[in-house]
C-alpha atoms as a PDB file:
ATOM      1  CA  UNK A   1      13.496  24.470  -3.951  1.00  0.00           C
ATOM      2  CA  UNK A   2       9.715  25.047  -3.617  1.00  0.00           C
ATOM      3  CA  UNK A   3       9.667  28.274  -1.881  1.00  0.00           C
ATOM      4  CA  UNK A   4      11.793  30.400  -5.153  1.00  0.00           C
ATOM      5  CA  UNK A   5       9.796  28.270  -7.333  1.00  0.00           C
ATOM      6  CA  UNK A   6       7.208  29.584 -10.580  1.00  0.00           C
ATOM      7  CA  UNK A   7       4.531  27.070  -8.545  1.00  0.00           C
ATOM      8  CA  UNK A   8       5.072  28.547  -5.211  1.00  0.00           C
ATOM      9  CA  UNK A   9       5.233  32.368  -7.049  1.00  0.00           C
ATOM     10  CA  UNK A  10       2.300  32.044  -9.578  1.00  0.00           C
ATOM     11  CA  UNK A  11       0.340  28.721  -8.674  1.00  0.00           C
ATOM     12  CA  UNK A  12      -0.449  28.593  -5.235  1.00  0.00           C
ATOM     13  CA  UNK A  13      -3.288  30.458  -4.111  1.00  0.00           C
ATOM     14  CA  UNK A  14      -4.551  31.773  -0.738  1.00  0.00           C
ATOM     15  CA  UNK A  15      -7.773  29.811  -0.938  1.00  0.00           C
ATOM     16  CA  UNK A  16     -10.507  28.214  -2.288  1.00  0.00           C
ATOM     17  CA  UNK A  17     -12.601  31.463  -2.867  1.00  0.00           C
ATOM     18  CA  UNK A  18      -9.434  32.446  -4.943  1.00  0.00           C
ATOM     19  CA  UNK A  19      -9.864  29.411  -7.244  1.00  0.00           C
ATOM     20  CA  UNK A  20     -13.182  29.490  -7.540  1.00  0.00           C
ATOM     21  CA  UNK A  21     -13.197  33.139  -8.547  1.00  0.00           C
ATOM     22  CA  UNK A  22     -10.814  32.061 -11.291  1.00  0.00           C
ATOM     23  CA  UNK A  23     -13.116  29.287 -12.986  1.00  0.00           C
ATOM     24  CA  UNK A  24     -15.834  31.881 -12.871  1.00  0.00           C
ATOM     25  CA  UNK A  25     -14.375  34.377 -14.434  1.00  0.00           C
ATOM     26  CA  UNK A  26     -13.490  32.182 -17.261  1.00  0.00           C
ATOM     27  CA  UNK A  27     -16.844  30.140 -17.510  1.00  0.00           C
ATOM     28  CA  UNK A  28     -18.436  33.926 -17.936  1.00  0.00           C
ATOM     29  CA  UNK A  29     -15.808  35.127 -20.084  1.00  0.00           C
ATOM     30  CA  UNK A  30     -16.772  31.906 -23.006  1.00  0.00           C
ATOM     31  CA  UNK A  31     -20.788  32.846 -22.248  1.00  0.00           C
ATOM     32  CA  UNK A  32     -20.218  36.137 -23.542  1.00  0.00           C
ATOM     33  CA  UNK A  33     -17.809  35.603 -26.469  1.00  0.00           C
ATOM     34  CA  UNK A  34     -20.132  32.420 -27.897  1.00  0.00           C
ATOM     35  CA  UNK A  35     -23.419  33.767 -26.374  1.00  0.00           C
ATOM     36  CA  UNK A  36     -24.390  36.867 -28.149  1.00  0.00           C
ATOM     37  CA  UNK A  37     -26.618  35.217 -29.853  1.00  0.00           C
ATOM     38  CA  UNK A  38     -28.892  33.524 -27.802  1.00  0.00           C
ATOM     39  CA  UNK A  39     -30.826  35.572 -25.142  1.00  0.00           C
ATOM     40  CA  UNK A  40     -29.912  35.614 -21.756  1.00  0.00           C
ATOM     41  CA  UNK A  41     -32.167  33.738 -19.997  1.00  0.00           C
ATOM     42  CA  UNK A  42     -31.869  30.962 -22.397  1.00  0.00           C
ATOM     43  CA  UNK A  43     -27.988  31.028 -21.485  1.00  0.00           C
ATOM     44  CA  UNK A  44     -27.605  29.042 -18.334  1.00  0.00           C
ATOM     45  CA  UNK A  45     -29.580  26.016 -19.979  1.00  0.00           C
ATOM     46  CA  UNK A  46     -27.263  25.917 -22.960  1.00  0.00           C
ATOM     47  CA  UNK A  47     -24.112  26.776 -21.591  1.00  0.00           C
ATOM     48  CA  UNK A  48     -22.337  24.923 -18.624  1.00  0.00           C
ATOM     49  CA  UNK A  49     -22.622  26.865 -14.918  1.00  0.00           C
ATOM     50  CA  UNK A  50     -19.003  26.956 -12.811  1.00  0.00           C
ATOM     51  CA  UNK A  51     -20.855  24.444 -10.876  1.00  0.00           C
ATOM     52  CA  UNK A  52     -21.065  21.866 -13.726  1.00  0.00           C
ATOM     53  CA  UNK A  53     -17.645  22.060 -15.140  1.00  0.00           C
ATOM     54  CA  UNK A  54     -16.413  21.572 -11.950  1.00  0.00           C
ATOM     55  CA  UNK A  55     -18.485  17.960 -11.683  1.00  0.00           C
ATOM     56  CA  UNK A  56     -16.590  17.247 -15.248  1.00  0.00           C
ATOM     57  CA  UNK A  57     -13.272  18.102 -14.349  1.00  0.00           C
ATOM     58  CA  UNK A  58     -14.433  16.055 -11.197  1.00  0.00           C
ATOM     59  CA  UNK A  59     -15.010  12.891 -13.427  1.00  0.00           C
ATOM     60  CA  UNK A  60     -12.426  13.592 -15.646  1.00  0.00           C
ATOM     61  CA  UNK A  61     -10.022  13.628 -12.685  1.00  0.00           C
ATOM     62  CA  UNK A  62     -11.050  10.388 -12.222  1.00  0.00           C
ATOM     63  CA  UNK A  63     -10.345   9.236 -15.337  1.00  0.00           C
ATOM     64  CA  UNK A  64      -6.620  10.748 -15.547  1.00  0.00           C
ATOM     65  CA  UNK A  65      -5.748   8.636 -12.033  1.00  0.00           C
ATOM     66  CA  UNK A  66      -7.240   5.498 -14.065  1.00  0.00           C
ATOM     67  CA  UNK A  67      -5.464   6.185 -17.363  1.00  0.00           C
ATOM     68  CA  UNK A  68      -2.406   6.362 -15.086  1.00  0.00           C
ATOM     69  CA  UNK A  69      -2.603   3.317 -13.026  1.00  0.00           C
ATOM     70  CA  UNK A  70      -3.520   1.033 -16.205  1.00  0.00           C
ATOM     71  CA  UNK A  71      -0.639   2.490 -17.939  1.00  0.00           C
ATOM     72  CA  UNK A  72       2.470   0.598 -19.233  1.00  0.00           C
ATOM     73  CA  UNK A  73       4.992   0.332 -18.721  1.00  0.00           C
ATOM     74  CA  UNK A  74       4.354   1.305 -15.231  1.00  0.00           C
ATOM     75  CA  UNK A  75       3.855   4.862 -14.852  1.00  0.00           C
ATOM     76  CA  UNK A  76       6.206   6.856 -11.854  1.00  0.00           C
ATOM     77  CA  UNK A  77       4.349   8.217  -8.864  1.00  0.00           C
ATOM     78  CA  UNK A  78       5.814  12.037 -10.012  1.00  0.00           C
ATOM     79  CA  UNK A  79       4.541  11.964 -13.425  1.00  0.00           C
ATOM     80  CA  UNK A  80       1.255  11.196 -11.777  1.00  0.00           C
ATOM     81  CA  UNK A  81       1.425  14.282  -9.893  1.00  0.00           C
ATOM     82  CA  UNK A  82       2.869  16.425 -12.478  1.00  0.00           C
ATOM     83  CA  UNK A  83      -0.173  15.526 -14.531  1.00  0.00           C
ATOM     84  CA  UNK A  84      -2.082  15.979 -11.970  1.00  0.00           C
ATOM     85  CA  UNK A  85      -1.046  19.723 -11.941  1.00  0.00           C
ATOM     86  CA  UNK A  86      -0.820  20.953 -15.487  1.00  0.00           C
ATOM     87  CA  UNK A  87      -4.787  19.438 -15.821  1.00  0.00           C
ATOM     88  CA  UNK A  88      -5.831  21.384 -12.874  1.00  0.00           C
ATOM     89  CA  UNK A  89      -3.594  24.818 -13.681  1.00  0.00           C
ATOM     90  CA  UNK A  90      -5.109  24.911 -17.288  1.00  0.00           C
ATOM     91  CA  UNK A  91      -8.717  24.851 -15.999  1.00  0.00           C
ATOM     92  CA  UNK A  92      -8.215  27.535 -13.781  1.00  0.00           C
ATOM     93  CA  UNK A  93      -7.930  29.571 -16.904  1.00  0.00           C
ATOM     94  CA  UNK A  94      -9.553  27.732 -19.304  1.00  0.00           C
ATOM     95  CA  UNK A  95     -12.886  26.853 -19.563  1.00  0.00           C
ATOM     96  CA  UNK A  96     -13.921  23.121 -20.490  1.00  0.00           C
ATOM     97  CA  UNK A  97     -16.542  24.348 -22.955  1.00  0.00           C
ATOM     98  CA  UNK A  98     -13.526  25.921 -24.873  1.00  0.00           C
ATOM     99  CA  UNK A  99     -11.456  22.725 -24.974  1.00  0.00           C
ATOM    100  CA  UNK A 100     -12.818  19.130 -24.178  1.00  0.00           C
ATOM    101  CA  UNK A 101     -11.129  17.555 -20.898  1.00  0.00           C
ATOM    102  CA  UNK A 102     -10.465  14.406 -22.391  1.00  0.00           C
ATOM    103  CA  UNK A 103      -8.259  15.775 -24.948  1.00  0.00           C
ATOM    104  CA  UNK A 104      -6.529  17.983 -22.606  1.00  0.00           C
ATOM    105  CA  UNK A 105      -6.067  15.039 -20.145  1.00  0.00           C
ATOM    106  CA  UNK A 106      -3.681  13.471 -22.467  1.00  0.00           C
ATOM    107  CA  UNK A 107      -1.961  15.790 -23.372  1.00  0.00           C
ATOM    108  CA  UNK A 108      -1.469  16.707 -19.852  1.00  0.00           C
ATOM    109  CA  UNK A 109       0.025  12.769 -19.319  1.00  0.00           C
ATOM    110  CA  UNK A 110       2.146  13.038 -22.610  1.00  0.00           C
ATOM    111  CA  UNK A 111       3.636  16.298 -21.312  1.00  0.00           C
ATOM    112  CA  UNK A 112       4.362  15.451 -17.618  1.00  0.00           C
ATOM    113  CA  UNK A 113       5.974  12.102 -19.028  1.00  0.00           C
ATOM    114  CA  UNK A 114       8.602  14.266 -20.815  1.00  0.00           C
ATOM    115  CA  UNK A 115       8.774  16.957 -18.412  1.00  0.00           C
ATOM    116  CA  UNK A 116       9.760  14.056 -15.746  1.00  0.00           C
ATOM    117  CA  UNK A 117      12.000  12.064 -17.738  1.00  0.00           C
ATOM    118  CA  UNK A 118       9.539   9.052 -18.356  1.00  0.00           C
ATOM    119  CA  UNK A 119      10.644   7.771 -21.893  1.00  0.00           C
ATOM    120  CA  UNK A 120       8.146   6.611 -23.927  1.00  0.00           C
ATOM    121  CA  UNK A 121       7.584   7.494 -27.551  1.00  0.00           C
ATOM    122  CA  UNK A 122       4.057   8.729 -28.790  1.00  0.00           C
ATOM    123  CA  UNK A 123       3.154   5.853 -30.127  1.00  0.00           C
ATOM    124  CA  UNK A 124       4.246   3.735 -26.775  1.00  0.00           C
ATOM    125  CA  UNK A 125       1.649   6.598 -25.394  1.00  0.00           C
ATOM    126  CA  UNK A 126      -1.196   6.511 -27.338  1.00  0.00           C
ATOM    127  CA  UNK A 127      -1.144   2.370 -27.377  1.00  0.00           C
ATOM    128  CA  UNK A 128      -2.560   2.722 -24.088  1.00  0.00           C
ATOM    129  CA  UNK A 129      -5.446   5.008 -25.388  1.00  0.00           C
ATOM    130  CA  UNK A 130      -8.845   2.924 -26.925  1.00  0.00           C
ATOM    131  CA  UNK A 131     -10.113   3.399 -30.156  1.00  0.00           C
ATOM    132  CA  UNK A 132      -8.058   5.523 -33.352  1.00  0.00           C
ATOM    133  CA  UNK A 133      -4.489   5.719 -31.835  1.00  0.00           C
ATOM    134  CA  UNK A 134      -3.495   7.555 -35.275  1.00  0.00           C
ATOM    135  CA  UNK A 135      -6.347  10.192 -34.288  1.00  0.00           C
ATOM    136  CA  UNK A 136      -5.101  10.378 -30.721  1.00  0.00           C
ATOM    137  CA  UNK A 137      -1.836  10.702 -31.341  1.00  0.00           C
ATOM    138  CA  UNK A 138      -2.756  13.849 -33.791  1.00  0.00           C
ATOM    139  CA  UNK A 139      -4.752  15.444 -30.808  1.00  0.00           C
ATOM    140  CA  UNK A 140      -1.607  15.303 -27.930  1.00  0.00           C
ATOM    141  CA  UNK A 141       0.845  16.695 -30.657  1.00  0.00           C
ATOM    142  CA  UNK A 142      -1.494  20.017 -32.061  1.00  0.00           C
ATOM    143  CA  UNK A 143      -2.528  20.670 -28.149  1.00  0.00           C
ATOM    144  CA  UNK A 144       1.121  20.283 -26.671  1.00  0.00           C
ATOM    145  CA  UNK A 145       2.266  23.659 -27.526  1.00  0.00           C
ATOM    146  CA  UNK A 146      -1.186  25.464 -26.183  1.00  0.00           C
ATOM    147  CA  UNK A 147      -0.770  23.325 -23.136  1.00  0.00           C
ATOM    148  CA  UNK A 148       2.582  24.914 -22.753  1.00  0.00           C
ATOM    149  CA  UNK A 149       1.648  27.653 -23.364  1.00  0.00           C
ATOM    150  CA  UNK A 150      -1.936  28.270 -20.909  1.00  0.00           C
ATOM    151  CA  UNK A 151       1.065  26.618 -18.234  1.00  0.00           C
ATOM    152  CA  UNK A 152       3.382  29.921 -18.439  1.00  0.00           C
ATOM    153  CA  UNK A 153       6.239  27.520 -19.266  1.00  0.00           C
ATOM    154  CA  UNK A 154       6.297  26.838 -15.972  1.00  0.00           C
ATOM    155  CA  UNK A 155       6.885  22.867 -16.260  1.00  0.00           C
ATOM    156  CA  UNK A 156       8.629  22.087 -12.960  1.00  0.00           C
ATOM    157  CA  UNK A 157       6.700  20.855 -10.439  1.00  0.00           C
ATOM    158  CA  UNK A 158       7.398  20.266  -7.135  1.00  0.00           C
ATOM    159  CA  UNK A 159       5.364  17.093  -5.785  1.00  0.00           C
ATOM    160  CA  UNK A 160       5.066  15.307  -2.571  1.00  0.00           C
ATOM    161  CA  UNK A 161       6.658  12.421  -2.707  1.00  0.00           C
ATOM    162  CA  UNK A 162      10.227  13.854  -1.875  1.00  0.00           C
ATOM    163  CA  UNK A 163       9.240  15.129   1.564  1.00  0.00           C
ATOM    164  CA  UNK A 164       7.370  11.959   2.394  1.00  0.00           C
ATOM    165  CA  UNK A 165      10.699  10.315   1.508  1.00  0.00           C
ATOM    166  CA  UNK A 166      12.402  12.657   4.050  1.00  0.00           C
ATOM    167  CA  UNK A 167      10.078  12.238   7.386  1.00  0.00           C
ATOM    168  CA  UNK A 168      10.261   8.501   6.581  1.00  0.00           C
ATOM    169  CA  UNK A 169      13.803   8.682   7.111  1.00  0.00           C
ATOM    170  CA  UNK A 170      13.723  11.446   9.923  1.00  0.00           C
ATOM    171  CA  UNK A 171      11.186   9.425  11.893  1.00  0.00           C
ATOM    172  CA  UNK A 172      13.248   6.058  11.551  1.00  0.00           C
ATOM    173  CA  UNK A 173      16.260   7.956  12.472  1.00  0.00           C
ATOM    174  CA  UNK A 174      14.927  10.225  15.625  1.00  0.00           C
ATOM    175  CA  UNK A 175      11.594   8.889  16.600  1.00  0.00           C
ATOM    176  CA  UNK A 176      10.828   5.584  18.531  1.00  0.00           C
ATOM    177  CA  UNK A 177       7.928   4.202  15.754  1.00  0.00           C
ATOM    178  CA  UNK A 178       8.620   0.962  15.364  1.00  0.00           C
ATOM    179  CA  UNK A 179       9.115   0.087  11.750  1.00  0.00           C
ATOM    180  CA  UNK A 180       8.007   2.913   9.700  1.00  0.00           C
ATOM    181  CA  UNK A 181       7.854   1.620   6.649  1.00  0.00           C
ATOM    182  CA  UNK A 182       4.382   0.429   7.227  1.00  0.00           C
ATOM    183  CA  UNK A 183       3.040   3.622   7.079  1.00  0.00           C
ATOM    184  CA  UNK A 184       3.352   3.723   3.288  1.00  0.00           C
ATOM    185  CA  UNK A 185       0.629   1.801   1.971  1.00  0.00           C
ATOM    186  CA  UNK A 186      -1.716   4.580   3.939  1.00  0.00           C
ATOM    187  CA  UNK A 187       0.494   7.890   2.461  1.00  0.00           C
ATOM    188  CA  UNK A 188       0.286   6.134  -0.992  1.00  0.00           C
ATOM    189  CA  UNK A 189      -3.697   6.225  -0.451  1.00  0.00           C
ATOM    190  CA  UNK A 190      -3.774   9.661   1.256  1.00  0.00           C
ATOM    191  CA  UNK A 191      -1.397  10.890  -1.524  1.00  0.00           C
ATOM    192  CA  UNK A 192      -3.743   8.962  -4.373  1.00  0.00           C
ATOM    193  CA  UNK A 193      -6.831  11.330  -2.871  1.00  0.00           C
ATOM    194  CA  UNK A 194      -4.886  14.443  -2.285  1.00  0.00           C
ATOM    195  CA  UNK A 195      -4.832  15.128  -6.040  1.00  0.00           C
ATOM    196  CA  UNK A 196      -8.418  14.686  -6.689  1.00  0.00           C
ATOM    197  CA  UNK A 197      -8.529  17.605  -4.388  1.00  0.00           C
ATOM    198  CA  UNK A 198      -7.365  21.269  -5.105  1.00  0.00           C
ATOM    199  CA  UNK A 199      -4.791  20.616  -2.088  1.00  0.00           C
ATOM    200  CA  UNK A 200      -1.874  21.282  -4.624  1.00  0.00           C
ATOM    201  CA  UNK A 201      -3.018  24.668  -5.705  1.00  0.00           C
ATOM    202  CA  UNK A 202      -3.141  25.494  -2.401  1.00  0.00           C
ATOM    203  CA  UNK A 203      -0.560  24.378  -0.136  1.00  0.00           C
ATOM    204  CA  UNK A 204       3.345  23.397  -0.317  1.00  0.00           C
ATOM    205  CA  UNK A 205       4.508  20.194  -1.102  1.00  0.00           C
ATOM    206  CA  UNK A 206       6.050  19.254   2.289  1.00  0.00           C
ATOM    207  CA  UNK A 207       2.861  20.049   4.081  1.00  0.00           C
ATOM    208  CA  UNK A 208       0.553  17.551   2.192  1.00  0.00           C
ATOM    209  CA  UNK A 209       3.731  15.275   2.657  1.00  0.00           C
ATOM    210  CA  UNK A 210       3.370  15.510   6.773  1.00  0.00           C
ATOM    211  CA  UNK A 211      -0.430  15.365   6.313  1.00  0.00           C
ATOM    212  CA  UNK A 212       0.468  12.003   4.895  1.00  0.00           C
ATOM    213  CA  UNK A 213       2.480  10.507   7.055  1.00  0.00           C
ATOM    214  CA  UNK A 214      -0.001  11.689   9.826  1.00  0.00           C
ATOM    215  CA  UNK A 215      -3.020  10.616   8.132  1.00  0.00           C
ATOM    216  CA  UNK A 216      -1.271   7.417   7.726  1.00  0.00           C
ATOM    217  CA  UNK A 217       0.307   6.992  11.430  1.00  0.00           C
ATOM    218  CA  UNK A 218      -3.283   7.523  12.975  1.00  0.00           C
ATOM    219  CA  UNK A 219      -4.658   4.858  10.648  1.00  0.00           C
ATOM    220  CA  UNK A 220      -1.678   2.400  11.773  1.00  0.00           C
ATOM    221  CA  UNK A 221      -3.308   3.812  15.418  1.00  0.00           C
ATOM    222  CA  UNK A 222       0.170   5.422  16.201  1.00  0.00           C
ATOM    223  CA  UNK A 223       0.173   9.347  17.385  1.00  0.00           C
ATOM    224  CA  UNK A 224       3.411  11.370  15.994  1.00  0.00           C
ATOM    225  CA  UNK A 225       1.894  14.444  17.692  1.00  0.00           C
ATOM    226  CA  UNK A 226       4.944  14.832  19.625  1.00  0.00           C
ATOM    227  CA  UNK A 227       7.819  13.963  16.740  1.00  0.00           C
ATOM    228  CA  UNK A 228       5.773  16.861  14.883  1.00  0.00           C
ATOM    229  CA  UNK A 229       5.955  19.522  18.401  1.00  0.00           C
ATOM    230  CA  UNK A 230       8.996  18.215  19.861  1.00  0.00           C
ATOM    231  CA  UNK A 231      11.465  17.045  16.830  1.00  0.00           C
ATOM    232  CA  UNK A 232      10.393  18.425  13.739  1.00  0.00           C
ATOM    233  CA  UNK A 233       9.219  21.899  14.878  1.00  0.00           C
ATOM    234  CA  UNK A 234      11.316  22.065  18.115  1.00  0.00           C
ATOM    235  CA  UNK A 235      12.694  25.484  17.195  1.00  0.00           C
ATOM    236  CA  UNK A 236       9.743  27.184  15.135  1.00  0.00           C
ATOM    237  CA  UNK A 237       7.835  29.674  16.946  1.00  0.00           C
ATOM    238  CA  UNK A 238       3.637  28.775  18.344  1.00  0.00           C
ATOM    239  CA  UNK A 239       2.693  31.087  15.664  1.00  0.00           C
ATOM    240  CA  UNK A 240       4.829  29.228  12.584  1.00  0.00           C
ATOM    241  CA  UNK A 241       3.409  25.773  14.424  1.00  0.00           C
ATOM    242  CA  UNK A 242       0.064  27.024  14.687  1.00  0.00           C
ATOM    243  CA  UNK A 243      -0.069  27.956  11.161  1.00  0.00           C
ATOM    244  CA  UNK A 244       1.236  24.149   9.747  1.00  0.00           C
ATOM    245  CA  UNK A 245      -0.942  22.502  12.161  1.00  0.00           C
ATOM    246  CA  UNK A 246      -3.695  24.183  10.982  1.00  0.00           C
ATOM    247  CA  UNK A 247      -3.088  23.793   6.884  1.00  0.00           C
ATOM    248  CA  UNK A 248      -2.386  19.988   7.704  1.00  0.00           C
ATOM    249  CA  UNK A 249      -5.945  19.563   9.322  1.00  0.00           C
ATOM    250  CA  UNK A 250      -7.223  21.124   6.149  1.00  0.00           C
ATOM    251  CA  UNK A 251      -5.464  19.008   3.860  1.00  0.00           C
ATOM    252  CA  UNK A 252      -7.012  15.743   5.685  1.00  0.00           C
ATOM    253  CA  UNK A 253     -10.363  17.387   5.645  1.00  0.00           C
ATOM    254  CA  UNK A 254     -10.174  18.191   1.899  1.00  0.00           C
ATOM    255  CA  UNK A 255      -8.655  14.364   1.353  1.00  0.00           C
ATOM    256  CA  UNK A 256     -12.433  12.993   3.653  1.00  0.00           C
ATOM    257  CA  UNK A 257     -14.529  14.780   1.730  1.00  0.00           C
ATOM    258  CA  UNK A 258     -13.602  13.277  -1.585  1.00  0.00           C
ATOM    259  CA  UNK A 259     -16.339  11.337  -3.436  1.00  0.00           C
ATOM    260  CA  UNK A 260     -17.020  10.681  -6.939  1.00  0.00           C
ATOM    261  CA  UNK A 261     -19.280  12.388  -8.717  1.00  0.00           C
ATOM    262  CA  UNK A 262     -22.780  11.120  -9.482  1.00  0.00           C
ATOM    263  CA  UNK A 263     -22.471   9.121 -13.106  1.00  0.00           C
ATOM    264  CA  UNK A 264     -25.991  10.182 -14.182  1.00  0.00           C
ATOM    265  CA  UNK A 265     -25.326  13.905 -13.436  1.00  0.00           C
ATOM    266  CA  UNK A 266     -21.979  13.803 -15.305  1.00  0.00           C
ATOM    267  CA  UNK A 267     -23.796  12.253 -17.911  1.00  0.00           C
ATOM    268  CA  UNK A 268     -26.288  15.183 -18.522  1.00  0.00           C
ATOM    269  CA  UNK A 269     -23.316  17.320 -18.336  1.00  0.00           C
ATOM    270  CA  UNK A 270     -21.616  16.128 -21.111  1.00  0.00           C
ATOM    271  CA  UNK A 271     -24.387  15.640 -23.306  1.00  0.00           C
ATOM    272  CA  UNK A 272     -24.847  19.742 -22.470  1.00  0.00           C
ATOM    273  CA  UNK A 273     -21.335  19.962 -23.715  1.00  0.00           C
ATOM    274  CA  UNK A 274     -21.378  18.232 -26.573  1.00  0.00           C
ATOM    275  CA  UNK A 275     -24.048  21.170 -27.945  1.00  0.00           C
ATOM    276  CA  UNK A 276     -22.153  24.053 -26.413  1.00  0.00           C
ATOM    277  CA  UNK A 277     -18.451  23.672 -26.720  1.00  0.00           C
ATOM    278  CA  UNK A 278     -16.224  25.624 -29.108  1.00  0.00           C
ATOM    279  CA  UNK A 279     -16.529  23.701 -32.548  1.00  0.00           C
ATOM    280  CA  UNK A 280     -13.083  25.854 -34.071  1.00  0.00           C
ATOM    281  CA  UNK A 281     -11.632  23.672 -31.196  1.00  0.00           C
ATOM    282  CA  UNK A 282     -13.678  20.337 -31.550  1.00  0.00           C
ATOM    283  CA  UNK A 283     -10.891  17.972 -34.101  1.00  0.00           C
ATOM    284  CA  UNK A 284     -14.782  16.033 -35.120  1.00  0.00           C
ATOM    285  CA  UNK A 285     -16.470  19.140 -36.332  1.00  0.00           C
ATOM    286  CA  UNK A 286     -16.159  20.253 -39.869  1.00  0.00           C
ATOM    287  CA  UNK A 287     -14.789  23.978 -39.158  1.00  0.00           C
ATOM    288  CA  UNK A 288     -11.665  22.758 -37.738  1.00  0.00           C
ATOM    289  CA  UNK A 289     -11.263  20.050 -40.478  1.00  0.00           C
ATOM    290  CA  UNK A 290     -11.785  22.980 -42.697  1.00  0.00           C
ATOM    291  CA  UNK A 291      -9.053  24.781 -40.542  1.00  0.00           C
ATOM    292  CA  UNK A 292      -6.677  22.472 -41.171  1.00  0.00           C
ATOM    293  CA  UNK A 293      -7.235  21.500 -44.815  1.00  0.00           C
ATOM    294  CA  UNK A 294      -6.743  24.869 -45.601  1.00  0.00           C
ATOM    295  CA  UNK A 295      -3.814  25.911 -43.788  1.00  0.00           C
ATOM    296  CA  UNK A 296      -1.873  22.417 -44.937  1.00  0.00           C
ATOM    297  CA  UNK A 297      -3.345  23.934 -48.560  1.00  0.00           C
ATOM    298  CA  UNK A 298      -1.650  27.072 -47.954  1.00  0.00           C
ATOM    299  CA  UNK A 299       2.014  25.760 -46.980  1.00  0.00           C
ATOM    300  CA  UNK A 300       1.956  23.633 -49.842  1.00  0.00           C
ATOM    301  CA  UNK A 301       1.772  26.374 -51.892  1.00  0.00           C
ATOM    302  CA  UNK A 302       3.996  28.742 -49.885  1.00  0.00           C
ATOM    303  CA  UNK A 303       7.006  25.676 -50.465  1.00  0.00           C
ATOM    304  CA  UNK A 304       5.803  25.422 -54.183  1.00  0.00           C
ATOM    305  CA  UNK A 305       5.819  29.083 -55.143  1.00  0.00           C
ATOM    306  CA  UNK A 306       8.624  30.245 -54.026  1.00  0.00           C
ATOM    307  CA  UNK A 307      10.638  27.033 -55.549  1.00  0.00           C
ATOM    308  CA  UNK A 308      12.105  26.214 -51.999  1.00  0.00           C
ATOM    309  CA  UNK A 309      11.240  24.696 -49.240  1.00  0.00           C
ATOM    310  CA  UNK A 310       9.524  27.772 -46.644  1.00  0.00           C
ATOM    311  CA  UNK A 311      10.515  27.784 -43.363  1.00  0.00           C
ATOM    312  CA  UNK A 312       7.336  29.101 -41.991  1.00  0.00           C
ATOM    313  CA  UNK A 313       4.919  27.096 -40.456  1.00  0.00           C
ATOM    314  CA  UNK A 314       2.725  29.214 -38.245  1.00  0.00           C
ATOM    315  CA  UNK A 315      -0.170  28.684 -40.590  1.00  0.00           C
ATOM    316  CA  UNK A 316      -0.005  25.525 -39.594  1.00  0.00           C
ATOM    317  CA  UNK A 317       0.976  25.921 -35.943  1.00  0.00           C
ATOM    318  CA  UNK A 318      -2.277  28.258 -35.685  1.00  0.00           C
ATOM    319  CA  UNK A 319      -4.362  25.410 -36.735  1.00  0.00           C
ATOM    320  CA  UNK A 320      -2.740  22.266 -35.078  1.00  0.00           C
ATOM    321  CA  UNK A 321      -2.768  23.959 -31.479  1.00  0.00           C
ATOM    322  CA  UNK A 322      -6.077  25.393 -31.241  1.00  0.00           C
ATOM    323  CA  UNK A 323      -6.258  29.479 -30.512  1.00  0.00           C
ATOM    324  CA  UNK A 324      -5.879  29.994 -26.583  1.00  0.00           C
ATOM    325  CA  UNK A 325      -8.004  33.221 -27.138  1.00  0.00           C
END
C-alpha cells in the first residue's frame, strides 16, 4: 500500500520549495568540489546554474517520454511511470554535471523494465537506441548499480494507473455518467503530462489519478463534483475533503503549465555541460577509459597471480559503476 511504502516515507516531499532546495544543494556541492581552481566570479559562466540544470532535465524528460513511446515491443504504462520516478529521484540528489542525463535516462528505463517485469534483454533494449549499441549497452549496465544505490534500493513504485482503473469501475457502478470509457483519452493525455511535472514527488498516486479523471470529465463537459463530495468522500471530514480538493487543483494547475524548453537555450546549456561535466564519469573521456583499462589489468593480475580465479571484482565494479561521491 502507498500509505506504508518507501515512496510515501522517503520520496514524497512537502512542496516544490523543498525539491528546489535539494537540487540547489547538490548543484552547489558539485561546483565547490570541482571549481576550486576557478575564480569565484567565473564559476557562474563555467558551471550550470540550478535553473539551467532544471531546463536541461525538462528537455531530457521529453526525450524519455518519446523514447518510451517509440520503444518496441510496446512498453506498458507502468514501466514508463516507474522510469520517470527513477529519473526524477536520481537528480534530486545528483547534478547533471556529475552524471549526464542521456546516460542515466536509458539506465532508468532499463531498470524500470526489470522491476515492472517487462521482459526485454539488454540486446533487445539497445536495439531501440540509435548509434553505437555496444557502447550504449556498456553504459547502461555500468550505471545500473549506481542508479540503484542512489535510489537507496527503493525500487517499488506506486503509479496512478491502478487507482484510475478503480475510479472508473466505481463511476460505472455508482455514478450516472454515461459511458465512462470515453474519459480514457483525456486521462491518458493528463497522465502523460503529469510525469513532465514534479507531481509524482509531491502527491499520492490516488490524488493524481483523481485529478486525471476530473480533468477528462471536464474535457467531455461533464461534472463529477457531486460524485466526489457525495459518494467518494461522503464520510470524510470537511478538512480532509478540503485538502484533497486543494491537491487536485494544484496537480491540474501544474499540468496546465507544462511547456517545452526553448531549443536554442537547451543547445547552449548542453554545450556548457560538455565543458564542465565531471570527466571521470564521462565514458568518452580519456581519464574514464584509462581507469577502466587499469581496473581490468589489475583484475587480470589478481587472477593470474593467485593461480586461481579471483572472486574479488571490487576494482571493476568501482570503475564500471562510477563513484556516487
